[in-house]
Amino acid sequence: MTKLEVFDPPMCCSTGVCGPNVDPALVKFSADFHWLAGQGVVVNRFNLAQQPQAYAANPVVKAALAEFGSGCLPLILVNGAIASKGRYPTRRELAAMTGVEYEEPVALPVMPSRG
């Protein structure tokens, strides 16, 4: 079974999808991350601000931080090996990394606002 781990930079919450100024890239990645879990991939996500012990306990992450500094975050590991660093991969890239068949995200209808 494929295992994907995400080591995020420090964020205010576990996904970074909170507060008044949410980064759209984080919203998209969060949806893609949950989609991947639904495809049978074992997924784990760690936030440096809330789970620093996970970073210190993982020798691959620890070495990447020592070599590249925090600029390597987010760091994506697949089966314990670095698959991506310094950015959030697209759904297509996540599918390729994990051997999952890519599926186009479902677009939700936009509801007109009431004025």
PDB file of N, CA and C in Angstrom:
ATOM      1  N   MET A   1       0.841  -1.181   0.000  1.00  0.00           N
ATOM      2  CA  MET A   1       0.000   0.000   0.000  1.00  0.00           C
ATOM      3  C   MET A   1       0.886   1.244   0.000  1.00  0.00           C
ATOM      4  N   THR A   2       0.552   2.207  -0.826  1.00  0.00           N
ATOM      5  CA  THR A   2       1.324   3.444  -0.945  1.00  0.00           C
ATOM      6  C   THR A   2       1.031   4.361   0.234  1.00  0.00           C
ATOM      7  N   LYS A   3       2.096   5.007   0.716  1.00  0.00           N
ATOM      8  CA  LYS A   3       1.973   5.931   1.843  1.00  0.00           C
ATOM      9  C   LYS A   3       2.505   7.294   1.423  1.00  0.00           C
ATOM     10  N   LEU A   4       1.697   8.329   1.608  1.00  0.00           N
ATOM     11  CA  LEU A   4       2.094   9.694   1.299  1.00  0.00           C
ATOM     12  C   LEU A   4       2.078  10.508   2.583  1.00  0.00           C
ATOM     13  N   GLU A   5       3.169  11.223   2.828  1.00  0.00           N
ATOM     14  CA  GLU A   5       3.269  12.080   4.003  1.00  0.00           C
ATOM     15  C   GLU A   5       3.568  13.504   3.551  1.00  0.00           C
ATOM     16  N   VAL A   6       2.878  14.457   4.155  1.00  0.00           N
ATOM     17  CA  VAL A   6       3.072  15.871   3.859  1.00  0.00           C
ATOM     18  C   VAL A   6       3.611  16.543   5.108  1.00  0.00           C
ATOM     19  N   PHE A   7       4.746  17.197   4.966  1.00  0.00           N
ATOM     20  CA  PHE A   7       5.345  17.959   6.059  1.00  0.00           C
ATOM     21  C   PHE A   7       5.231  19.434   5.676  1.00  0.00           C
ATOM     22  N   ASP A   8       4.205  20.086   6.254  1.00  0.00           N
ATOM     23  CA  ASP A   8       3.889  21.472   5.940  1.00  0.00           C
ATOM     24  C   ASP A   8       4.800  22.436   6.682  1.00  0.00           C
ATOM     25  N   PRO A   9       4.913  23.678   6.169  1.00  0.00           N
ATOM     26  CA  PRO A   9       5.563  24.727   6.960  1.00  0.00           C
ATOM     27  C   PRO A   9       4.659  25.084   8.139  1.00  0.00           C
ATOM     28  N   PRO A  10       5.128  25.906   9.068  1.00  0.00           N
ATOM     29  CA  PRO A  10       4.265  26.285  10.189  1.00  0.00           C
ATOM     30  C   PRO A  10       3.006  26.995   9.693  1.00  0.00           C
ATOM     31  N   MET A  11       1.858  26.536  10.157  1.00  0.00           N
ATOM     32  CA  MET A  11       0.576  27.140   9.790  1.00  0.00           C
ATOM     33  C   MET A  11      -0.279  27.267  11.038  1.00  0.00           C
ATOM     34  N   CYS A  12      -1.326  28.089  10.933  1.00  0.00           N
ATOM     35  CA  CYS A  12      -2.198  28.355  12.087  1.00  0.00           C
ATOM     36  C   CYS A  12      -3.038  27.152  12.496  1.00  0.00           C
ATOM     37  N   CYS A  13      -3.311  26.250  11.537  1.00  0.00           N
ATOM     38  CA  CYS A  13      -4.099  25.063  11.843  1.00  0.00           C
ATOM     39  C   CYS A  13      -3.561  23.896  11.020  1.00  0.00           C
ATOM     40  N   SER A  14      -4.135  22.739  11.144  1.00  0.00           N
ATOM     41  CA  SER A  14      -3.597  21.538  10.504  1.00  0.00           C
ATOM     42  C   SER A  14      -3.576  21.594   8.988  1.00  0.00           C
ATOM     43  N   THR A  15      -4.442  22.397   8.372  1.00  0.00           N
ATOM     44  CA  THR A  15      -4.489  22.459   6.909  1.00  0.00           C
ATOM     45  C   THR A  15      -4.120  23.824   6.351  1.00  0.00           C
ATOM     46  N   GLY A  16      -4.091  24.848   7.181  1.00  0.00           N
ATOM     47  CA  GLY A  16      -3.849  26.201   6.707  1.00  0.00           C
ATOM     48  C   GLY A  16      -5.071  26.825   6.062  1.00  0.00           C
ATOM     49  N   VAL A  17      -6.190  26.110   6.102  1.00  0.00           N
ATOM     50  CA  VAL A  17      -7.422  26.591   5.480  1.00  0.00           C
ATOM     51  C   VAL A  17      -8.319  27.174   6.564  1.00  0.00           C
ATOM     52  N   CYS A  18      -7.865  28.284   7.131  1.00  0.00           N
ATOM     53  CA  CYS A  18      -8.633  28.942   8.180  1.00  0.00           C
ATOM     54  C   CYS A  18      -8.270  30.424   8.183  1.00  0.00           C
ATOM     55  N   GLY A  19      -8.997  31.198   8.900  1.00  0.00           N
ATOM     56  CA  GLY A  19      -8.716  32.621   8.982  1.00  0.00           C
ATOM     57  C   GLY A  19      -9.313  33.392   7.819  1.00  0.00           C
ATOM     58  N   PRO A  20      -9.130  34.713   7.830  1.00  0.00           N
ATOM     59  CA  PRO A  20      -9.758  35.562   6.817  1.00  0.00           C
ATOM     60  C   PRO A  20      -9.063  35.545   5.447  1.00  0.00           C
ATOM     61  N   ASN A  21      -7.784  35.221   5.394  1.00  0.00           N
ATOM     62  CA  ASN A  21      -7.031  35.260   4.133  1.00  0.00           C
ATOM     63  C   ASN A  21      -6.500  33.874   3.779  1.00  0.00           C
ATOM     64  N   VAL A  22      -7.385  33.007   3.341  1.00  0.00           N
ATOM     65  CA  VAL A  22      -7.022  31.625   3.024  1.00  0.00           C
ATOM     66  C   VAL A  22      -6.342  31.579   1.659  1.00  0.00           C
ATOM     67  N   ASP A  23      -5.205  30.893   1.595  1.00  0.00           N
ATOM     68  CA  ASP A  23      -4.473  30.710   0.339  1.00  0.00           C
ATOM     69  C   ASP A  23      -5.237  29.698  -0.516  1.00  0.00           C
ATOM     70  N   PRO A  24      -5.664  30.082  -1.723  1.00  0.00           N
ATOM     71  CA  PRO A  24      -6.416  29.161  -2.578  1.00  0.00           C
ATOM     72  C   PRO A  24      -5.637  27.882  -2.908  1.00  0.00           C
ATOM     73  N   ALA A  25      -4.310  27.968  -2.960  1.00  0.00           N
ATOM     74  CA  ALA A  25      -3.493  26.776  -3.234  1.00  0.00           C
ATOM     75  C   ALA A  25      -3.658  25.748  -2.115  1.00  0.00           C
ATOM     76  N   LEU A  26      -3.794  26.216  -0.879  1.00  0.00           N
ATOM     77  CA  LEU A  26      -3.987  25.298   0.254  1.00  0.00           C
ATOM     78  C   LEU A  26      -5.362  24.653   0.212  1.00  0.00           C
ATOM     79  N   VAL A  27      -6.366  25.401  -0.217  1.00  0.00           N
ATOM     80  CA  VAL A  27      -7.714  24.849  -0.328  1.00  0.00           C
ATOM     81  C   VAL A  27      -7.716  23.731  -1.361  1.00  0.00           C
ATOM     82  N   LYS A  28      -7.095  23.983  -2.512  1.00  0.00           N
ATOM     83  CA  LYS A  28      -7.038  22.993  -3.586  1.00  0.00           C
ATOM     84  C   LYS A  28      -6.243  21.761  -3.142  1.00  0.00           C
ATOM     85  N   PHE A  29      -5.091  21.999  -2.498  1.00  0.00           N
ATOM     86  CA  PHE A  29      -4.283  20.864  -2.057  1.00  0.00           C
ATOM     87  C   PHE A  29      -5.018  20.043  -1.012  1.00  0.00           C
ATOM     88  N   SER A  30      -5.713  20.687  -0.108  1.00  0.00           N
ATOM     89  CA  SER A  30      -6.466  19.968   0.912  1.00  0.00           C
ATOM     90  C   SER A  30      -7.512  19.047   0.271  1.00  0.00           C
ATOM     91  N   ALA A  31      -8.208  19.555  -0.733  1.00  0.00           N
ATOM     92  CA  ALA A  31      -9.207  18.738  -1.447  1.00  0.00           C
ATOM     93  C   ALA A  31      -8.525  17.571  -2.165  1.00  0.00           C
ATOM     94  N   ASP A  32      -7.392  17.846  -2.805  1.00  0.00           N
ATOM     95  CA  ASP A  32      -6.666  16.787  -3.522  1.00  0.00           C
ATOM     96  C   ASP A  32      -6.104  15.748  -2.560  1.00  0.00           C
ATOM     97  N   PHE A  33      -5.656  16.187  -1.402  1.00  0.00           N
ATOM     98  CA  PHE A  33      -5.130  15.299  -0.368  1.00  0.00           C
ATOM     99  C   PHE A  33      -6.220  14.337   0.106  1.00  0.00           C
ATOM    100  N   HIS A  34      -7.415  14.870   0.342  1.00  0.00           N
ATOM    101  CA  HIS A  34      -8.533  14.025   0.784  1.00  0.00           C
ATOM    102  C   HIS A  34      -9.004  13.095  -0.332  1.00  0.00           C
ATOM    103  N   TRP A  35      -8.955  13.573  -1.571  1.00  0.00           N
ATOM    104  CA  TRP A  35      -9.286  12.720  -2.715  1.00  0.00           C
ATOM    105  C   TRP A  35      -8.327  11.524  -2.761  1.00  0.00           C
ATOM    106  N   LEU A  36      -7.047  11.793  -2.558  1.00  0.00           N
ATOM    107  CA  LEU A  36      -6.043  10.734  -2.593  1.00  0.00           C
ATOM    108  C   LEU A  36      -6.310   9.695  -1.507  1.00  0.00           C
ATOM    109  N   ALA A  37      -6.688  10.138  -0.332  1.00  0.00           N
ATOM    110  CA  ALA A  37      -7.036   9.209   0.756  1.00  0.00           C
ATOM    111  C   ALA A  37      -8.205   8.326   0.340  1.00  0.00           C
ATOM    112  N   GLY A  38      -9.150   8.895  -0.396  1.00  0.00           N
ATOM    113  CA  GLY A  38     -10.300   8.133  -0.864  1.00  0.00           C
ATOM    114  C   GLY A  38      -9.950   7.115  -1.938  1.00  0.00           C
ATOM    115  N   GLN A  39      -8.759   7.240  -2.499  1.00  0.00           N
ATOM    116  CA  GLN A  39      -8.305   6.301  -3.529  1.00  0.00           C
ATOM    117  C   GLN A  39      -7.514   5.134  -2.932  1.00  0.00           C
ATOM    118  N   GLY A  40      -7.455   5.071  -1.603  1.00  0.00           N
ATOM    119  CA  GLY A  40      -6.778   3.958  -0.939  1.00  0.00           C
ATOM    120  C   GLY A  40      -5.339   4.227  -0.543  1.00  0.00           C
ATOM    121  N   VAL A  41      -4.858   5.446  -0.738  1.00  0.00           N
ATOM    122  CA  VAL A  41      -3.501   5.804  -0.334  1.00  0.00           C
ATOM    123  C   VAL A  41      -3.524   6.159   1.150  1.00  0.00           C
ATOM    124  N   VAL A  42      -2.555   5.652   1.892  1.00  0.00           N
ATOM    125  CA  VAL A  42      -2.418   6.014   3.305  1.00  0.00           C
ATOM    126  C   VAL A  42      -1.792   7.403   3.342  1.00  0.00           C
ATOM    127  N   VAL A  43      -2.481   8.360   3.916  1.00  0.00           N
ATOM    128  CA  VAL A  43      -2.000   9.741   3.928  1.00  0.00           C
ATOM    129  C   VAL A  43      -1.852  10.256   5.353  1.00  0.00           C
ATOM    130  N   ASN A  44      -0.811  11.028   5.557  1.00  0.00           N
ATOM    131  CA  ASN A  44      -0.571  11.689   6.840  1.00  0.00           C
ATOM    132  C   ASN A  44      -0.072  13.086   6.543  1.00  0.00           C
ATOM    133  N   ARG A  45      -0.495  14.030   7.361  1.00  0.00           N
ATOM    134  CA  ARG A  45      -0.089  15.418   7.170  1.00  0.00           C
ATOM    135  C   ARG A  45       0.365  15.979   8.503  1.00  0.00           C
ATOM    136  N   PHE A  46       1.498  16.678   8.482  1.00  0.00           N
ATOM    137  CA  PHE A  46       2.082  17.219   9.703  1.00  0.00           C
ATOM    138  C   PHE A  46       2.312  18.719   9.547  1.00  0.00           C
ATOM    139  N   ASN A  47       2.079  19.459  10.616  1.00  0.00           N
ATOM    140  CA  ASN A  47       2.252  20.902  10.645  1.00  0.00           C
ATOM    141  C   ASN A  47       3.406  21.208  11.592  1.00  0.00           C
ATOM    142  N   LEU A  48       4.431  21.905  11.089  1.00  0.00           N
ATOM    143  CA  LEU A  48       5.613  22.188  11.894  1.00  0.00           C
ATOM    144  C   LEU A  48       5.280  22.947  13.171  1.00  0.00           C
ATOM    145  N   ALA A  49       4.294  23.842  13.121  1.00  0.00           N
ATOM    146  CA  ALA A  49       3.925  24.623  14.307  1.00  0.00           C
ATOM    147  C   ALA A  49       3.285  23.767  15.392  1.00  0.00           C
ATOM    148  N   GLN A  50       2.602  22.690  14.979  1.00  0.00           N
ATOM    149  CA  GLN A  50       1.864  21.888  15.946  1.00  0.00           C
ATOM    150  C   GLN A  50       2.481  20.526  16.222  1.00  0.00           C
ATOM    151  N   GLN A  51       3.315  20.019  15.307  1.00  0.00           N
ATOM    152  CA  GLN A  51       3.885  18.678  15.462  1.00  0.00           C
ATOM    153  C   GLN A  51       5.384  18.647  15.148  1.00  0.00           C
ATOM    154  N   PRO A  52       6.186  19.489  15.786  1.00  0.00           N
ATOM    155  CA  PRO A  52       7.621  19.531  15.469  1.00  0.00           C
ATOM    156  C   PRO A  52       8.335  18.194  15.712  1.00  0.00           C
ATOM    157  N   GLN A  53       7.804  17.383  16.614  1.00  0.00           N
ATOM    158  CA  GLN A  53       8.430  16.096  16.911  1.00  0.00           C
ATOM    159  C   GLN A  53       8.419  15.168  15.696  1.00  0.00           C
ATOM    160  N   ALA A  54       7.408  15.278  14.838  1.00  0.00           N
ATOM    161  CA  ALA A  54       7.333  14.436  13.636  1.00  0.00           C
ATOM    162  C   ALA A  54       8.478  14.774  12.675  1.00  0.00           C
ATOM    163  N   TYR A  55       8.874  16.036  12.621  1.00  0.00           N
ATOM    164  CA  TYR A  55       9.955  16.484  11.746  1.00  0.00           C
ATOM    165  C   TYR A  55      11.304  16.001  12.291  1.00  0.00           C
ATOM    166  N   ALA A  56      11.463  16.115  13.590  1.00  0.00           N
ATOM    167  CA  ALA A  56      12.723  15.699  14.218  1.00  0.00           C
ATOM    168  C   ALA A  56      12.887  14.183  14.210  1.00  0.00           C
ATOM    169  N   ALA A  57      11.780  13.444  14.248  1.00  0.00           N
ATOM    170  CA  ALA A  57      11.847  11.983  14.319  1.00  0.00           C
ATOM    171  C   ALA A  57      12.046  11.324  12.958  1.00  0.00           C
ATOM    172  N   ASN A  58      11.823  12.055  11.871  1.00  0.00           N
ATOM    173  CA  ASN A  58      11.942  11.467  10.537  1.00  0.00           C
ATOM    174  C   ASN A  58      13.307  11.835   9.951  1.00  0.00           C
ATOM    175  N   PRO A  59      14.202  10.845   9.752  1.00  0.00           N
ATOM    176  CA  PRO A  59      15.555  11.152   9.274  1.00  0.00           C
ATOM    177  C   PRO A  59      15.586  11.803   7.885  1.00  0.00           C
ATOM    178  N   VAL A  60      14.668  11.467   7.007  1.00  0.00           N
ATOM    179  CA  VAL A  60      14.629  12.067   5.662  1.00  0.00           C
ATOM    180  C   VAL A  60      14.262  13.546   5.768  1.00  0.00           C
ATOM    181  N   VAL A  61      13.273  13.856   6.575  1.00  0.00           N
ATOM    182  CA  VAL A  61      12.831  15.241   6.763  1.00  0.00           C
ATOM    183  C   VAL A  61      13.918  16.038   7.469  1.00  0.00           C
ATOM    184  N   LYS A  62      14.486  15.457   8.474  1.00  0.00           N
ATOM    185  CA  LYS A  62      15.543  16.117   9.244  1.00  0.00           C
ATOM    186  C   LYS A  62      16.726  16.463   8.330  1.00  0.00           C
ATOM    187  N   ALA A  63      17.124  15.536   7.469  1.00  0.00           N
ATOM    188  CA  ALA A  63      18.242  15.768   6.537  1.00  0.00           C
ATOM    189  C   ALA A  63      17.888  16.846   5.519  1.00  0.00           C
ATOM    190  N   ALA A  64      16.655  16.831   5.008  1.00  0.00           N
ATOM    191  CA  ALA A  64      16.228  17.844   4.034  1.00  0.00           C
ATOM    192  C   ALA A  64      16.238  19.233   4.665  1.00  0.00           C
ATOM    193  N   LEU A  65      15.755  19.340   5.889  1.00  0.00           N
ATOM    194  CA  LEU A  65      15.758  20.633   6.577  1.00  0.00           C
ATOM    195  C   LEU A  65      17.178  21.113   6.832  1.00  0.00           C
ATOM    196  N   ALA A  66      18.085  20.191   7.170  1.00  0.00           N
ATOM    197  CA  ALA A  66      19.477  20.557   7.399  1.00  0.00           C
ATOM    198  C   ALA A  66      20.139  21.034   6.106  1.00  0.00           C
ATOM    199  N   GLU A  67      19.825  20.388   4.994  1.00  0.00           N
ATOM    200  CA  GLU A  67      20.453  20.727   3.715  1.00  0.00           C
ATOM    201  C   GLU A  67      19.821  21.943   3.037  1.00  0.00           C
ATOM    202  N   PHE A  68      18.487  22.035   3.040  1.00  0.00           N
ATOM    203  CA  PHE A  68      17.789  23.071   2.278  1.00  0.00           C
ATOM    204  C   PHE A  68      17.130  24.144   3.141  1.00  0.00           C
ATOM    205  N   GLY A  69      17.060  23.935   4.449  1.00  0.00           N
ATOM    206  CA  GLY A  69      16.361  24.864   5.321  1.00  0.00           C
ATOM    207  C   GLY A  69      14.858  24.734   5.154  1.00  0.00           C
ATOM    208  N   SER A  70      14.120  25.652   5.738  1.00  0.00           N
ATOM    209  CA  SER A  70      12.660  25.553   5.708  1.00  0.00           C
ATOM    210  C   SER A  70      12.073  25.805   4.319  1.00  0.00           C
ATOM    211  N   GLY A  71      12.893  26.245   3.367  1.00  0.00           N
ATOM    212  CA  GLY A  71      12.426  26.439   1.999  1.00  0.00           C
ATOM    213  C   GLY A  71      12.020  25.153   1.317  1.00  0.00           C
ATOM    214  N   CYS A  72      12.404  24.007   1.889  1.00  0.00           N
ATOM    215  CA  CYS A  72      12.014  22.721   1.297  1.00  0.00           C
ATOM    216  C   CYS A  72      10.590  22.334   1.682  1.00  0.00           C
ATOM    217  N   LEU A  73       9.972  23.110   2.600  1.00  0.00           N
ATOM    218  CA  LEU A  73       8.610  22.816   3.015  1.00  0.00           C
ATOM    219  C   LEU A  73       7.623  23.505   2.093  1.00  0.00           C
ATOM    220  N   PRO A  74       6.528  22.917   1.737  1.00  0.00           N
ATOM    221  CA  PRO A  74       6.101  21.580   2.132  1.00  0.00           C
ATOM    222  C   PRO A  74       6.963  20.503   1.481  1.00  0.00           C
ATOM    223  N   LEU A  75       7.231  19.478   2.251  1.00  0.00           N
ATOM    224  CA  LEU A  75       8.004  18.328   1.801  1.00  0.00           C
ATOM    225  C   LEU A  75       7.050  17.152   1.691  1.00  0.00           C
ATOM    226  N   ILE A  76       7.017  16.533   0.511  1.00  0.00           N
ATOM    227  CA  ILE A  76       6.105  15.419   0.261  1.00  0.00           C
ATOM    228  C   ILE A  76       6.930  14.143   0.158  1.00  0.00           C
ATOM    229  N   LEU A  77       6.632  13.162   0.994  1.00  0.00           N
ATOM    230  CA  LEU A  77       7.300  11.863   0.940  1.00  0.00           C
ATOM    231  C   LEU A  77       6.318  10.813   0.451  1.00  0.00           C
ATOM    232  N   VAL A  78       6.783   9.949  -0.438  1.00  0.00           N
ATOM    233  CA  VAL A  78       6.001   8.802  -0.875  1.00  0.00           C
ATOM    234  C   VAL A  78       6.806   7.569  -0.518  1.00  0.00           C
ATOM    235  N   ASN A  79       6.215   6.734   0.322  1.00  0.00           N
ATOM    236  CA  ASN A  79       6.888   5.534   0.828  1.00  0.00           C
ATOM    237  C   ASN A  79       8.261   5.864   1.410  1.00  0.00           C
ATOM    238  N   GLY A  80       8.343   7.003   2.104  1.00  0.00           N
ATOM    239  CA  GLY A  80       9.554   7.391   2.814  1.00  0.00           C
ATOM    240  C   GLY A  80      10.590   8.136   2.003  1.00  0.00           C
ATOM    241  N   ALA A  81      10.379   8.322   0.698  1.00  0.00           N
ATOM    242  CA  ALA A  81      11.334   9.032  -0.153  1.00  0.00           C
ATOM    243  C   ALA A  81      10.754  10.377  -0.585  1.00  0.00           C
ATOM    244  N   ILE A  82      11.608  11.372  -0.752  1.00  0.00           N
ATOM    245  CA  ILE A  82      11.153  12.699  -1.172  1.00  0.00           C
ATOM    246  C   ILE A  82      10.607  12.629  -2.591  1.00  0.00           C
ATOM    247  N   ALA A  83       9.373  13.086  -2.742  1.00  0.00           N
ATOM    248  CA  ALA A  83       8.723  13.129  -4.062  1.00  0.00           C
ATOM    249  C   ALA A  83       8.562  14.568  -4.546  1.00  0.00           C
ATOM    250  N   SER A  84       8.529  15.530  -3.617  1.00  0.00           N
ATOM    251  CA  SER A  84       8.355  16.933  -3.962  1.00  0.00           C
ATOM    252  C   SER A  84       8.820  17.776  -2.793  1.00  0.00           C
ATOM    253  N   LYS A  85       9.382  18.946  -3.105  1.00  0.00           N
ATOM    254  CA  LYS A  85       9.761  19.850  -2.015  1.00  0.00           C
ATOM    255  C   LYS A  85       9.561  21.306  -2.431  1.00  0.00           C
ATOM    256  N   GLY A  86       9.146  22.110  -1.466  1.00  0.00           N
ATOM    257  CA  GLY A  86       9.018  23.541  -1.665  1.00  0.00           C
ATOM    258  C   GLY A  86       7.738  24.020  -2.328  1.00  0.00           C
ATOM    259  N   ARG A  87       6.817  23.111  -2.644  1.00  0.00           N
ATOM    260  CA  ARG A  87       5.556  23.514  -3.261  1.00  0.00           C
ATOM    261  C   ARG A  87       4.538  22.393  -3.072  1.00  0.00           C
ATOM    262  N   TYR A  88       3.266  22.741  -3.270  1.00  0.00           N
ATOM    263  CA  TYR A  88       2.205  21.742  -3.198  1.00  0.00           C
ATOM    264  C   TYR A  88       1.955  21.183  -4.595  1.00  0.00           C
ATOM    265  N   PRO A  89       2.089  19.872  -4.763  1.00  0.00           N
ATOM    266  CA  PRO A  89       1.852  19.276  -6.084  1.00  0.00           C
ATOM    267  C   PRO A  89       0.373  19.326  -6.478  1.00  0.00           C
ATOM    268  N   THR A  90       0.136  19.259  -7.774  1.00  0.00           N
ATOM    269  CA  THR A  90      -1.228  19.221  -8.295  1.00  0.00           C
ATOM    270  C   THR A  90      -1.812  17.830  -8.076  1.00  0.00           C
ATOM    271  N   ARG A  91      -3.109  17.710  -8.286  1.00  0.00           N
ATOM    272  CA  ARG A  91      -3.768  16.405  -8.176  1.00  0.00           C
ATOM    273  C   ARG A  91      -3.155  15.423  -9.181  1.00  0.00           C
ATOM    274  N   ARG A  92      -2.887  15.892 -10.381  1.00  0.00           N
ATOM    275  CA  ARG A  92      -2.286  15.037 -11.404  1.00  0.00           C
ATOM    276  C   ARG A  92      -0.918  14.520 -10.941  1.00  0.00           C
ATOM    277  N   GLU A  93      -0.121  15.408 -10.347  1.00  0.00           N
ATOM    278  CA  GLU A  93       1.192  15.015  -9.843  1.00  0.00           C
ATOM    279  C   GLU A  93       1.066  14.033  -8.669  1.00  0.00           C
ATOM    280  N   LEU A  94       0.121  14.284  -7.774  1.00  0.00           N
ATOM    281  CA  LEU A  94      -0.097  13.374  -6.651  1.00  0.00           C
ATOM    282  C   LEU A  94      -0.487  11.988  -7.149  1.00  0.00           C
ATOM    283  N   ALA A  95      -1.349  11.943  -8.148  1.00  0.00           N
ATOM    284  CA  ALA A  95      -1.767  10.662  -8.725  1.00  0.00           C
ATOM    285  C   ALA A  95      -0.564   9.932  -9.313  1.00  0.00           C
ATOM    286  N   ALA A  96       0.276  10.645 -10.062  1.00  0.00           N
ATOM    287  CA  ALA A  96       1.457  10.023 -10.668  1.00  0.00           C
ATOM    288  C   ALA A  96       2.443   9.535  -9.601  1.00  0.00           C
ATOM    289  N   MET A  97       2.628  10.312  -8.544  1.00  0.00           N
ATOM    290  CA  MET A  97       3.556   9.939  -7.469  1.00  0.00           C
ATOM    291  C   MET A  97       3.136   8.648  -6.774  1.00  0.00           C
ATOM    292  N   THR A  98       1.836   8.460  -6.667  1.00  0.00           N
ATOM    293  CA  THR A  98       1.312   7.355  -5.867  1.00  0.00           C
ATOM    294  C   THR A  98       0.776   6.194  -6.698  1.00  0.00           C
ATOM    295  N   GLY A  99       0.791   6.330  -8.021  1.00  0.00           N
ATOM    296  CA  GLY A  99       0.309   5.253  -8.879  1.00  0.00           C
ATOM    297  C   GLY A  99      -1.200   5.132  -8.929  1.00  0.00           C
ATOM    298  N   VAL A 100      -1.891   6.228  -8.618  1.00  0.00           N
ATOM    299  CA  VAL A 100      -3.347   6.250  -8.625  1.00  0.00           C
ATOM    300  C   VAL A 100      -3.809   6.808  -9.964  1.00  0.00           C
ATOM    301  N   GLU A 101      -4.919   6.306 -10.469  1.00  0.00           N
ATOM    302  CA  GLU A 101      -5.468   6.834 -11.713  1.00  0.00           C
ATOM    303  C   GLU A 101      -6.013   8.235 -11.468  1.00  0.00           C
ATOM    304  N   TYR A 102      -5.579   9.160 -12.293  1.00  0.00           N
ATOM    305  CA  TYR A 102      -5.988  10.559 -12.149  1.00  0.00           C
ATOM    306  C   TYR A 102      -7.465  10.734 -12.481  1.00  0.00           C
ATOM    307  N   GLU A 103      -8.139  11.530 -11.671  1.00  0.00           N
ATOM    308  CA  GLU A 103      -9.528  11.917 -11.924  1.00  0.00           C
ATOM    309  C   GLU A 103      -9.616  13.427 -11.835  1.00  0.00           C
ATOM    310  N   GLU A 104     -10.259  14.009 -12.821  1.00  0.00           N
ATOM    311  CA  GLU A 104     -10.461  15.457 -12.832  1.00  0.00           C
ATOM    312  C   GLU A 104     -11.321  15.851 -11.624  1.00  0.00           C
ATOM    313  N   PRO A 105     -10.958  16.934 -10.907  1.00  0.00           N
ATOM    314  CA  PRO A 105     -11.800  17.376  -9.787  1.00  0.00           C
ATOM    315  C   PRO A 105     -13.184  17.774 -10.290  1.00  0.00           C
ATOM    316  N   VAL A 106     -14.177  17.524  -9.476  1.00  0.00           N
ATOM    317  CA  VAL A 106     -15.548  17.894  -9.808  1.00  0.00           C
ATOM    318  C   VAL A 106     -15.749  19.359  -9.443  1.00  0.00           C
ATOM    319  N   ALA A 107     -16.162  20.143 -10.412  1.00  0.00           N
ATOM    320  CA  ALA A 107     -16.422  21.565 -10.155  1.00  0.00           C
ATOM    321  C   ALA A 107     -17.813  21.713  -9.550  1.00  0.00           C
ATOM    322  N   LEU A 108     -17.883  22.447  -8.476  1.00  0.00           N
ATOM    323  CA  LEU A 108     -19.167  22.706  -7.836  1.00  0.00           C
ATOM    324  C   LEU A 108     -19.821  23.910  -8.500  1.00  0.00           C
ATOM    325  N   PRO A 109     -21.127  23.892  -8.627  1.00  0.00           N
ATOM    326  CA  PRO A 109     -21.803  25.038  -9.252  1.00  0.00           C
ATOM    327  C   PRO A 109     -21.674  26.284  -8.370  1.00  0.00           C
ATOM    328  N   VAL A 110     -21.551  27.420  -9.025  1.00  0.00           N
ATOM    329  CA  VAL A 110     -21.462  28.689  -8.299  1.00  0.00           C
ATOM    330  C   VAL A 110     -22.885  29.226  -8.159  1.00  0.00           C
ATOM    331  N   MET A 111     -23.256  29.494  -6.932  1.00  0.00           N
ATOM    332  CA  MET A 111     -24.600  30.001  -6.658  1.00  0.00           C
ATOM    333  C   MET A 111     -24.573  31.533  -6.735  1.00  0.00           C
ATOM    334  N   PRO A 112     -25.536  32.135  -7.410  1.00  0.00           N
ATOM    335  CA  PRO A 112     -25.572  33.592  -7.460  1.00  0.00           C
ATOM    336  C   PRO A 112     -25.842  34.167  -6.068  1.00  0.00           C
ATOM    337  N   SER A 113     -25.197  35.263  -5.778  1.00  0.00           N
ATOM    338  CA  SER A 113     -25.420  35.885  -4.462  1.00  0.00           C
ATOM    339  C   SER A 113     -26.710  36.695  -4.508  1.00  0.00           C
ATOM    340  N   ARG A 114     -27.321  36.778  -3.364  1.00  0.00           N
ATOM    341  CA  ARG A 114     -28.552  37.564  -3.256  1.00  0.00           C
ATOM    342  C   ARG A 114     -28.170  38.985  -2.849  1.00  0.00           C
ATOM    343  N   GLY A 115     -28.656  39.912  -3.557  1.00  0.00           N
ATOM    344  CA  GLY A 115     -28.281  41.303  -3.310  1.00  0.00           C
ATOM    345  C   GLY A 115     -29.223  42.064  -2.555  1.00  0.00           C
TER     346      GLY A 115
END
